[in-house]
PDB file of N, CA and C in Angstrom:
ATOM      1  N   MET A   1     -26.966 -18.027  11.019  1.00  0.00           N
ATOM      2  CA  MET A   1     -25.755 -17.911  10.242  1.00  0.00           C
ATOM      3  C   MET A   1     -25.792 -16.593   9.491  1.00  0.00           C
ATOM      4  N   ASP A   2     -24.863 -15.666   9.738  1.00  0.00           N
ATOM      5  CA  ASP A   2     -24.828 -14.375   9.054  1.00  0.00           C
ATOM      6  C   ASP A   2     -23.635 -14.323   8.116  1.00  0.00           C
ATOM      7  N   THR A   3     -23.863 -14.387   6.828  1.00  0.00           N
ATOM      8  CA  THR A   3     -22.811 -14.210   5.841  1.00  0.00           C
ATOM      9  C   THR A   3     -23.176 -12.992   5.020  1.00  0.00           C
ATOM     10  N   TYR A   4     -22.235 -12.058   4.875  1.00  0.00           N
ATOM     11  CA  TYR A   4     -22.513 -10.820   4.156  1.00  0.00           C
ATOM     12  C   TYR A   4     -22.172 -10.989   2.682  1.00  0.00           C
ATOM     13  N   GLN A   5     -23.135 -10.741   1.834  1.00  0.00           N
ATOM     14  CA  GLN A   5     -22.937 -10.690   0.386  1.00  0.00           C
ATOM     15  C   GLN A   5     -23.794  -9.543  -0.112  1.00  0.00           C
ATOM     16  N   GLY A   6     -23.192  -8.380  -0.260  1.00  0.00           N
ATOM     17  CA  GLY A   6     -23.977  -7.200  -0.600  1.00  0.00           C
ATOM     18  C   GLY A   6     -24.812  -6.816   0.595  1.00  0.00           C
ATOM     19  N   ASP A   7     -26.122  -6.931   0.464  1.00  0.00           N
ATOM     20  CA  ASP A   7     -27.019  -6.615   1.568  1.00  0.00           C
ATOM     21  C   ASP A   7     -27.628  -7.868   2.183  1.00  0.00           C
ATOM     22  N   VAL A   8     -27.023  -9.021   1.969  1.00  0.00           N
ATOM     23  CA  VAL A   8     -27.559 -10.288   2.459  1.00  0.00           C
ATOM     24  C   VAL A   8     -26.706 -10.777   3.628  1.00  0.00           C
ATOM     25  N   TYR A   9     -27.359 -11.156   4.711  1.00  0.00           N
ATOM     26  CA  TYR A   9     -26.672 -11.678   5.889  1.00  0.00           C
ATOM     27  C   TYR A   9     -27.209 -13.065   6.199  1.00  0.00           C
ATOM     28  N   MET A  10     -26.335 -13.933   6.697  1.00  0.00           N
ATOM     29  CA  MET A  10     -26.763 -15.250   7.162  1.00  0.00           C
ATOM     30  C   MET A  10     -26.168 -15.462   8.549  1.00  0.00           C
ATOM     31  N   ARG A  11     -26.930 -16.000   9.453  1.00  0.00           N
ATOM     32  CA  ARG A  11     -26.448 -16.256  10.812  1.00  0.00           C
ATOM     33  C   ARG A  11     -25.433 -17.383  10.822  1.00  0.00           C
ATOM     34  N   ARG A  12     -24.410 -17.242  11.700  1.00  0.00           N
ATOM     35  CA  ARG A  12     -23.380 -18.255  11.897  1.00  0.00           C
ATOM     36  C   ARG A  12     -23.212 -18.462  13.395  1.00  0.00           C
ATOM     37  N   THR A  13     -22.926 -19.663  13.784  1.00  0.00           N
ATOM     38  CA  THR A  13     -22.598 -19.960  15.174  1.00  0.00           C
ATOM     39  C   THR A  13     -21.153 -20.430  15.204  1.00  0.00           C
ATOM     40  N   VAL A  14     -20.335 -19.750  16.006  1.00  0.00           N
ATOM     41  CA  VAL A  14     -18.924 -20.123  16.109  1.00  0.00           C
ATOM     42  C   VAL A  14     -18.533 -20.206  17.576  1.00  0.00           C
ATOM     43  N   VAL A  15     -17.553 -21.031  17.853  1.00  0.00           N
ATOM     44  CA  VAL A  15     -16.994 -21.136  19.194  1.00  0.00           C
ATOM     45  C   VAL A  15     -15.628 -20.468  19.138  1.00  0.00           C
ATOM     46  N   ILE A  16     -15.440 -19.435  19.971  1.00  0.00           N
ATOM     47  CA  ILE A  16     -14.205 -18.655  19.979  1.00  0.00           C
ATOM     48  C   ILE A  16     -13.650 -18.632  21.392  1.00  0.00           C
ATOM     49  N   GLU A  17     -12.364 -18.885  21.512  1.00  0.00           N
ATOM     50  CA  GLU A  17     -11.693 -18.838  22.809  1.00  0.00           C
ATOM     51  C   GLU A  17     -11.822 -17.425  23.389  1.00  0.00           C
ATOM     52  N   ASP A  18     -12.248 -17.322  24.646  1.00  0.00           N
ATOM     53  CA  ASP A  18     -12.499 -16.022  25.283  1.00  0.00           C
ATOM     54  C   ASP A  18     -11.278 -15.110  25.256  1.00  0.00           C
ATOM     55  N   THR A  19     -10.126 -15.638  25.631  1.00  0.00           N
ATOM     56  CA  THR A  19      -8.931 -14.785  25.684  1.00  0.00           C
ATOM     57  C   THR A  19      -8.524 -14.318  24.293  1.00  0.00           C
ATOM     58  N   LEU A  20      -8.739 -15.148  23.280  1.00  0.00           N
ATOM     59  CA  LEU A  20      -8.431 -14.758  21.906  1.00  0.00           C
ATOM     60  C   LEU A  20      -9.321 -13.595  21.476  1.00  0.00           C
ATOM     61  N   LEU A  21     -10.594 -13.683  21.779  1.00  0.00           N
ATOM     62  CA  LEU A  21     -11.532 -12.610  21.447  1.00  0.00           C
ATOM     63  C   LEU A  21     -11.188 -11.335  22.213  1.00  0.00           C
ATOM     64  N   GLU A  22     -10.885 -11.461  23.493  1.00  0.00           N
ATOM     65  CA  GLU A  22     -10.539 -10.295  24.307  1.00  0.00           C
ATOM     66  C   GLU A  22      -9.279  -9.618  23.790  1.00  0.00           C
ATOM     67  N   ASP A  23      -8.268 -10.408  23.436  1.00  0.00           N
ATOM     68  CA  ASP A  23      -7.035  -9.838  22.889  1.00  0.00           C
ATOM     69  C   ASP A  23      -7.310  -9.116  21.575  1.00  0.00           C
ATOM     70  N   ALA A  24      -8.112  -9.733  20.715  1.00  0.00           N
ATOM     71  CA  ALA A  24      -8.447  -9.114  19.431  1.00  0.00           C
ATOM     72  C   ALA A  24      -9.212  -7.810  19.646  1.00  0.00           C
ATOM     73  N   GLN A  25     -10.150  -7.800  20.584  1.00  0.00           N
ATOM     74  CA  GLN A  25     -10.911  -6.581  20.871  1.00  0.00           C
ATOM     75  C   GLN A  25      -9.990  -5.474  21.363  1.00  0.00           C
ATOM     76  N   ARG A  26      -9.063  -5.817  22.214  1.00  0.00           N
ATOM     77  CA  ARG A  26      -8.124  -4.827  22.740  1.00  0.00           C
ATOM     78  C   ARG A  26      -7.249  -4.271  21.618  1.00  0.00           C
ATOM     79  N   LEU A  27      -6.707  -5.154  20.786  1.00  0.00           N
ATOM     80  CA  LEU A  27      -5.811  -4.725  19.718  1.00  0.00           C
ATOM     81  C   LEU A  27      -6.529  -3.943  18.621  1.00  0.00           C
ATOM     82  N   LEU A  28      -7.751  -4.321  18.328  1.00  0.00           N
ATOM     83  CA  LEU A  28      -8.506  -3.667  17.261  1.00  0.00           C
ATOM     84  C   LEU A  28      -9.299  -2.461  17.748  1.00  0.00           C
ATOM     85  N   GLY A  29      -9.471  -2.350  19.059  1.00  0.00           N
ATOM     86  CA  GLY A  29     -10.261  -1.249  19.604  1.00  0.00           C
ATOM     87  C   GLY A  29     -11.749  -1.420  19.367  1.00  0.00           C
ATOM     88  N   THR A  30     -12.193  -2.671  19.331  1.00  0.00           N
ATOM     89  CA  THR A  30     -13.608  -2.962  19.105  1.00  0.00           C
ATOM     90  C   THR A  30     -14.245  -3.425  20.402  1.00  0.00           C
ATOM     91  N   ARG A  31     -15.583  -3.429  20.424  1.00  0.00           N
ATOM     92  CA  ARG A  31     -16.290  -3.846  21.632  1.00  0.00           C
ATOM     93  C   ARG A  31     -17.077  -5.127  21.428  1.00  0.00           C
ATOM     94  N   GLY A  32     -17.936  -5.144  20.469  1.00  0.00           N
ATOM     95  CA  GLY A  32     -18.809  -6.292  20.259  1.00  0.00           C
ATOM     96  C   GLY A  32     -18.119  -7.426  19.520  1.00  0.00           C
ATOM     97  N   ILE A  33     -18.694  -8.600  19.651  1.00  0.00           N
ATOM     98  CA  ILE A  33     -18.143  -9.781  18.992  1.00  0.00           C
ATOM     99  C   ILE A  33     -18.193  -9.611  17.475  1.00  0.00           C
ATOM    100  N   ARG A  34     -19.338  -9.199  16.967  1.00  0.00           N
ATOM    101  CA  ARG A  34     -19.477  -9.036  15.518  1.00  0.00           C
ATOM    102  C   ARG A  34     -18.496  -8.001  14.983  1.00  0.00           C
ATOM    103  N   ASP A  35     -18.407  -6.843  15.663  1.00  0.00           N
ATOM    104  CA  ASP A  35     -17.473  -5.803  15.233  1.00  0.00           C
ATOM    105  C   ASP A  35     -16.042  -6.325  15.213  1.00  0.00           C
ATOM    106  N   THR A  36     -15.688  -7.092  16.225  1.00  0.00           N
ATOM    107  CA  THR A  36     -14.333  -7.622  16.327  1.00  0.00           C
ATOM    108  C   THR A  36     -14.032  -8.593  15.197  1.00  0.00           C
ATOM    109  N   ILE A  37     -14.946  -9.506  14.949  1.00  0.00           N
ATOM    110  CA  ILE A  37     -14.731 -10.490  13.885  1.00  0.00           C
ATOM    111  C   ILE A  37     -14.665  -9.805  12.523  1.00  0.00           C
ATOM    112  N   GLU A  38     -15.588  -8.877  12.263  1.00  0.00           N
ATOM    113  CA  GLU A  38     -15.583  -8.185  10.976  1.00  0.00           C
ATOM    114  C   GLU A  38     -14.309  -7.370  10.786  1.00  0.00           C
ATOM    115  N   GLU A  39     -13.869  -6.673  11.822  1.00  0.00           N
ATOM    116  CA  GLU A  39     -12.650  -5.870  11.715  1.00  0.00           C
ATOM    117  C   GLU A  39     -11.426  -6.761  11.528  1.00  0.00           C
ATOM    118  N   ALA A  40     -11.382  -7.886  12.219  1.00  0.00           N
ATOM    119  CA  ALA A  40     -10.269  -8.827  12.057  1.00  0.00           C
ATOM    120  C   ALA A  40     -10.231  -9.375  10.632  1.00  0.00           C
ATOM    121  N   LEU A  41     -11.388  -9.696  10.076  1.00  0.00           N
ATOM    122  CA  LEU A  41     -11.443 -10.187   8.695  1.00  0.00           C
ATOM    123  C   LEU A  41     -10.990  -9.110   7.714  1.00  0.00           C
ATOM    124  N   ARG A  42     -11.428  -7.868   7.942  1.00  0.00           N
ATOM    125  CA  ARG A  42     -10.979  -6.763   7.083  1.00  0.00           C
ATOM    126  C   ARG A  42      -9.459  -6.616   7.142  1.00  0.00           C
ATOM    127  N   GLU A  43      -8.902  -6.743   8.337  1.00  0.00           N
ATOM    128  CA  GLU A  43      -7.456  -6.602   8.513  1.00  0.00           C
ATOM    129  C   GLU A  43      -6.699  -7.716   7.797  1.00  0.00           C
ATOM    130  N   VAL A  44      -7.190  -8.939   7.872  1.00  0.00           N
ATOM    131  CA  VAL A  44      -6.553 -10.059   7.166  1.00  0.00           C
ATOM    132  C   VAL A  44      -6.579  -9.808   5.660  1.00  0.00           C
ATOM    133  N   ILE A  45      -7.713  -9.355   5.158  1.00  0.00           N
ATOM    134  CA  ILE A  45      -7.841  -9.071   3.726  1.00  0.00           C
ATOM    135  C   ILE A  45      -6.910  -7.932   3.325  1.00  0.00           C
ATOM    136  N   ARG A  46      -6.853  -6.878   4.136  1.00  0.00           N
ATOM    137  CA  ARG A  46      -5.982  -5.728   3.850  1.00  0.00           C
ATOM    138  C   ARG A  46      -4.524  -6.151   3.800  1.00  0.00           C
ATOM    139  N   ARG A  47      -4.095  -6.928   4.791  1.00  0.00           N
ATOM    140  CA  ARG A  47      -2.699  -7.380   4.825  1.00  0.00           C
ATOM    141  C   ARG A  47      -2.364  -8.259   3.626  1.00  0.00           C
ATOM    142  N   ASN A  48      -3.289  -9.121   3.238  1.00  0.00           N
ATOM    143  CA  ASN A  48      -3.066  -9.979   2.081  1.00  0.00           C
ATOM    144  C   ASN A  48      -2.935  -9.152   0.808  1.00  0.00           C
ATOM    145  N   ARG A  49      -3.783  -8.138   0.659  1.00  0.00           N
ATOM    146  CA  ARG A  49      -3.704  -7.276  -0.524  1.00  0.00           C
ATOM    147  C   ARG A  49      -2.388  -6.506  -0.559  1.00  0.00           C
ATOM    148  N   LEU A  50      -1.941  -6.014   0.601  1.00  0.00           N
ATOM    149  CA  LEU A  50      -0.660  -5.313   0.656  1.00  0.00           C
ATOM    150  C   LEU A  50       0.496  -6.236   0.301  1.00  0.00           C
ATOM    151  N   GLU A  51       0.457  -7.457   0.805  1.00  0.00           N
ATOM    152  CA  GLU A  51       1.502  -8.439   0.497  1.00  0.00           C
ATOM    153  C   GLU A  51       1.512  -8.754  -0.997  1.00  0.00           C
ATOM    154  N   ASN A  52       0.336  -8.934  -1.582  1.00  0.00           N
ATOM    155  CA  ASN A  52       0.252  -9.188  -3.025  1.00  0.00           C
ATOM    156  C   ASN A  52       0.797  -8.013  -3.824  1.00  0.00           C
ATOM    157  N   LEU A  53       0.485  -6.795  -3.401  1.00  0.00           N
ATOM    158  CA  LEU A  53       0.998  -5.605  -4.073  1.00  0.00           C
ATOM    159  C   LEU A  53       2.513  -5.542  -3.958  1.00  0.00           C
ATOM    160  N   ARG A  54       3.016  -5.783  -2.759  1.00  0.00           N
ATOM    161  CA  ARG A  54       4.457  -5.759  -2.527  1.00  0.00           C
ATOM    162  C   ARG A  54       5.155  -6.792  -3.415  1.00  0.00           C
ATOM    163  N   ASN A  55       4.593  -7.984  -3.508  1.00  0.00           N
ATOM    164  CA  ASN A  55       5.187  -9.034  -4.340  1.00  0.00           C
ATOM    165  C   ASN A  55       5.116  -8.698  -5.824  1.00  0.00           C
ATOM    166  N   SER A  56       4.050  -8.034  -6.244  1.00  0.00           N
ATOM    167  CA  SER A  56       3.913  -7.709  -7.666  1.00  0.00           C
ATOM    168  C   SER A  56       4.851  -6.580  -8.085  1.00  0.00           C
ATOM    169  N   LEU A  57       5.239  -5.730  -7.140  1.00  0.00           N
ATOM    170  CA  LEU A  57       6.134  -4.623  -7.467  1.00  0.00           C
ATOM    171  C   LEU A  57       7.575  -5.073  -7.604  1.00  0.00           C
ATOM    172  N   GLY A  58       7.943  -6.156  -6.944  1.00  0.00           N
ATOM    173  CA  GLY A  58       9.306  -6.664  -7.041  1.00  0.00           C
ATOM    174  C   GLY A  58      10.282  -5.838  -6.229  1.00  0.00           C
ATOM    175  N   THR A  59      11.523  -5.828  -6.672  1.00  0.00           N
ATOM    176  CA  THR A  59      12.570  -5.105  -5.954  1.00  0.00           C
ATOM    177  C   THR A  59      13.140  -4.011  -6.850  1.00  0.00           C
ATOM    178  N   VAL A  60      13.803  -3.067  -6.215  1.00  0.00           N
ATOM    179  CA  VAL A  60      14.421  -1.950  -6.924  1.00  0.00           C
ATOM    180  C   VAL A  60      15.900  -1.935  -6.581  1.00  0.00           C
ATOM    181  N   GLU A  61      16.729  -1.828  -7.596  1.00  0.00           N
ATOM    182  CA  GLU A  61      18.170  -1.735  -7.386  1.00  0.00           C
ATOM    183  C   GLU A  61      18.510  -0.290  -7.041  1.00  0.00           C
ATOM    184  N   LEU A  62      19.000  -0.068  -5.826  1.00  0.00           N
ATOM    185  CA  LEU A  62      19.321   1.285  -5.377  1.00  0.00           C
ATOM    186  C   LEU A  62      20.727   1.712  -5.773  1.00  0.00           C
ATOM    187  N   GLY A  63      21.591   0.759  -6.030  1.00  0.00           N
ATOM    188  CA  GLY A  63      22.961   1.102  -6.380  1.00  0.00           C
ATOM    189  C   GLY A  63      23.756   1.612  -5.198  1.00  0.00           C
ATOM    190  N   LEU A  64      23.344   1.246  -3.990  1.00  0.00           N
ATOM    191  CA  LEU A  64      24.045   1.669  -2.782  1.00  0.00           C
ATOM    192  C   LEU A  64      24.697   0.464  -2.119  1.00  0.00           C
ATOM    193  N   THR A  65      25.881   0.689  -1.602  1.00  0.00           N
ATOM    194  CA  THR A  65      26.547  -0.361  -0.832  1.00  0.00           C
ATOM    195  C   THR A  65      26.105  -0.259   0.618  1.00  0.00           C
ATOM    196  N   SER A  66      26.454  -1.255   1.401  1.00  0.00           N
ATOM    197  CA  SER A  66      26.127  -1.190   2.829  1.00  0.00           C
ATOM    198  C   SER A  66      26.851  -0.025   3.492  1.00  0.00           C
ATOM    199  N   GLU A  67      28.043   0.306   2.991  1.00  0.00           N
ATOM    200  CA  GLU A  67      28.780   1.459   3.526  1.00  0.00           C
ATOM    201  C   GLU A  67      28.042   2.762   3.212  1.00  0.00           C
ATOM    202  N   ASP A  68      27.498   2.865   1.997  1.00  0.00           N
ATOM    203  CA  ASP A  68      26.710   4.050   1.631  1.00  0.00           C
ATOM    204  C   ASP A  68      25.510   4.207   2.558  1.00  0.00           C
ATOM    205  N   LEU A  69      24.814   3.103   2.807  1.00  0.00           N
ATOM    206  CA  LEU A  69      23.653   3.147   3.695  1.00  0.00           C
ATOM    207  C   LEU A  69      24.044   3.550   5.104  1.00  0.00           C
ATOM    208  N   THR A  70      25.168   3.035   5.582  1.00  0.00           N
ATOM    209  CA  THR A  70      25.648   3.396   6.921  1.00  0.00           C
ATOM    210  C   THR A  70      25.941   4.887   6.991  1.00  0.00           C
ATOM    211  N   ARG A  71      26.612   5.428   5.964  1.00  0.00           N
ATOM    212  CA  ARG A  71      26.917   6.868   5.938  1.00  0.00           C
ATOM    213  C   ARG A  71      25.631   7.698   5.926  1.00  0.00           C
ATOM    214  N   LEU A  72      24.647   7.266   5.150  1.00  0.00           N
ATOM    215  CA  LEU A  72      23.380   7.996   5.096  1.00  0.00           C
ATOM    216  C   LEU A  72      22.667   7.977   6.444  1.00  0.00           C
ATOM    217  N   ARG A  73      22.686   6.826   7.109  1.00  0.00           N
ATOM    218  CA  ARG A  73      22.049   6.727   8.431  1.00  0.00           C
ATOM    219  C   ARG A  73      22.769   7.599   9.449  1.00  0.00           C
ATOM    220  N   ASP A  74      24.099   7.586   9.397  1.00  0.00           N
ATOM    221  CA  ASP A  74      24.884   8.375  10.353  1.00  0.00           C
ATOM    222  C   ASP A  74      24.703   9.874  10.128  1.00  0.00           C
ATOM    223  N   ALA A  75      24.411  10.266   8.900  1.00  0.00           N
ATOM    224  CA  ALA A  75      24.253  11.681   8.570  1.00  0.00           C
ATOM    225  C   ALA A  75      22.930  12.247   9.079  1.00  0.00           C
ATOM    226  N   GLU A  76      21.980  11.379   9.404  1.00  0.00           N
ATOM    227  CA  GLU A  76      20.664  11.860   9.854  1.00  0.00           C
ATOM    228  C   GLU A  76      20.701  12.426  11.221  1.00  0.00           C
TER     229      GLU A  76
END
């Protein structure tokens, strides 16, 4: 069982569907099982932190109508 806490690792045994692992390796650009799992966990944590940040910032009133936005898009 390998659990990382600072410099401490513990071995773990997991059963993972082959196609799920292969898809994750392809999408993440990883090769080994450990690299894939660690990178996937980092990505989940990163996305959660971004979502929390987005939620904490709230919304901003732009003062633009949908017509204003359409004109701005058309002007590009």
